[in-house]
Amino acid sequence: MNKDIVEGQWKQLKGKLRSAWGELTDDDIDRIAGRREQWVGTLQQRYGKARDEVVREVDAFLARHLPPQ
């Protein structure tokens, strides 16, 4: 996934992100700011899941909510 696309559309994704991962705080979302590694790490911390599982979830989320490249 293109990093610039995610960061560029971060404002539009924020609301959808809150719906998908309700345990994320506003501070978490602001800290992530569209950065994939920060996003994955924060989800791992909040949900206690393995990195591979979180990466799959993030990829699936982005595939649903971003236009095809």
C-alpha atoms as a PDB file:
ATOM      1  CA  MET A   1       0.000   0.000   0.000  1.00  0.00           C
ATOM      2  CA  ASN A   2       1.347   3.382  -0.949  1.00  0.00           C
ATOM      3  CA  LYS A   3       2.349   5.274   2.183  1.00  0.00           C
ATOM      4  CA  ASP A   4       1.542   8.655   0.618  1.00  0.00           C
ATOM      5  CA  ILE A   5      -2.010   7.577  -0.214  1.00  0.00           C
ATOM      6  CA  VAL A   6      -2.695   6.483   3.362  1.00  0.00           C
ATOM      7  CA  GLU A   7      -1.222   9.647   4.877  1.00  0.00           C
ATOM      8  CA  GLY A   8      -3.013  11.817   2.308  1.00  0.00           C
ATOM      9  CA  GLN A   9      -6.414  10.337   3.082  1.00  0.00           C
ATOM     10  CA  TRP A  10      -5.898   9.984   6.815  1.00  0.00           C
ATOM     11  CA  LYS A  11      -8.577  12.530   7.749  1.00  0.00           C
ATOM     12  CA  GLN A  12     -11.191  10.584   5.794  1.00  0.00           C
ATOM     13  CA  LEU A  13     -10.070   7.293   7.305  1.00  0.00           C
ATOM     14  CA  LYS A  14     -10.089   8.443  10.935  1.00  0.00           C
ATOM     15  CA  GLY A  15     -13.823   7.963  11.473  1.00  0.00           C
ATOM     16  CA  LYS A  16     -13.793   4.559   9.825  1.00  0.00           C
ATOM     17  CA  LEU A  17     -10.783   3.620  11.923  1.00  0.00           C
ATOM     18  CA  ARG A  18     -12.668   4.450  15.121  1.00  0.00           C
ATOM     19  CA  SER A  19     -15.526   2.198  13.987  1.00  0.00           C
ATOM     20  CA  ALA A  20     -13.220  -0.691  13.137  1.00  0.00           C
ATOM     21  CA  TRP A  21     -11.027  -0.480  16.255  1.00  0.00           C
ATOM     22  CA  GLY A  22     -13.076   1.070  19.036  1.00  0.00           C
ATOM     23  CA  GLU A  23     -10.377   0.726  21.677  1.00  0.00           C
ATOM     24  CA  LEU A  24      -8.149   3.269  19.927  1.00  0.00           C
ATOM     25  CA  THR A  25      -8.194   6.647  21.604  1.00  0.00           C
ATOM     26  CA  ASP A  26      -8.148   9.994  19.824  1.00  0.00           C
ATOM     27  CA  ASP A  27      -4.549  10.352  21.002  1.00  0.00           C
ATOM     28  CA  ASP A  28      -3.680   6.988  19.436  1.00  0.00           C
ATOM     29  CA  ILE A  29      -5.201   8.026  16.128  1.00  0.00           C
ATOM     30  CA  ASP A  30      -3.416  11.385  16.175  1.00  0.00           C
ATOM     31  CA  ARG A  31      -0.110   9.656  16.974  1.00  0.00           C
ATOM     32  CA  ILE A  32      -0.573   7.143  14.136  1.00  0.00           C
ATOM     33  CA  ALA A  33      -1.254   9.929  11.601  1.00  0.00           C
ATOM     34  CA  GLY A  34      -1.394   7.494   8.699  1.00  0.00           C
ATOM     35  CA  ARG A  35       1.964   5.858   9.420  1.00  0.00           C
ATOM     36  CA  ARG A  36       1.540   2.136   8.884  1.00  0.00           C
ATOM     37  CA  GLU A  37       4.205   0.908  11.322  1.00  0.00           C
ATOM     38  CA  GLN A  38       2.865   3.160  14.075  1.00  0.00           C
ATOM     39  CA  TRP A  39      -0.651   1.919  13.285  1.00  0.00           C
ATOM     40  CA  VAL A  40       0.351  -1.747  13.457  1.00  0.00           C
ATOM     41  CA  GLY A  41       2.289  -1.250  16.688  1.00  0.00           C
ATOM     42  CA  THR A  42      -0.547   0.620  18.357  1.00  0.00           C
ATOM     43  CA  LEU A  43      -3.067  -2.071  17.403  1.00  0.00           C
ATOM     44  CA  GLN A  44      -0.736  -4.777  18.719  1.00  0.00           C
ATOM     45  CA  GLN A  45      -0.441  -2.941  22.011  1.00  0.00           C
ATOM     46  CA  ARG A  46      -4.165  -2.229  22.423  1.00  0.00           C
ATOM     47  CA  TYR A  47      -5.466  -5.626  21.320  1.00  0.00           C
ATOM     48  CA  GLY A  48      -2.608  -7.972  22.256  1.00  0.00           C
ATOM     49  CA  LYS A  49      -2.555  -9.622  18.834  1.00  0.00           C
ATOM     50  CA  ALA A  50       0.367 -11.000  16.840  1.00  0.00           C
ATOM     51  CA  ARG A  51       1.984  -8.668  14.312  1.00  0.00           C
ATOM     52  CA  ASP A  52       1.028 -10.873  11.337  1.00  0.00           C
ATOM     53  CA  GLU A  53      -2.627 -10.840  12.341  1.00  0.00           C
ATOM     54  CA  VAL A  54      -2.650  -7.058  12.776  1.00  0.00           C
ATOM     55  CA  VAL A  55      -0.922  -6.527   9.419  1.00  0.00           C
ATOM     56  CA  ARG A  56      -3.624  -8.629   7.717  1.00  0.00           C
ATOM     57  CA  GLU A  57      -6.351  -6.606   9.446  1.00  0.00           C
ATOM     58  CA  VAL A  58      -4.787  -3.284   8.425  1.00  0.00           C
ATOM     59  CA  ASP A  59      -4.350  -4.488   4.827  1.00  0.00           C
ATOM     60  CA  ALA A  60      -7.977  -5.640   4.683  1.00  0.00           C
ATOM     61  CA  PHE A  61      -9.158  -2.318   6.139  1.00  0.00           C
ATOM     62  CA  LEU A  62      -7.171  -0.338   3.574  1.00  0.00           C
ATOM     63  CA  ALA A  63      -8.394  -2.525   0.710  1.00  0.00           C
ATOM     64  CA  ARG A  64     -11.995  -1.806   1.722  1.00  0.00           C
ATOM     65  CA  HIS A  65     -11.597   1.935   2.273  1.00  0.00           C
ATOM     66  CA  LEU A  66      -9.043   3.189  -0.240  1.00  0.00           C
ATOM     67  CA  PRO A  67      -9.474   3.340  -4.013  1.00  0.00           C
ATOM     68  CA  PRO A  68      -7.578   0.711  -6.001  1.00  0.00           C
ATOM     69  CA  GLN A  69      -4.125   1.766  -7.132  1.00  0.00           C
END
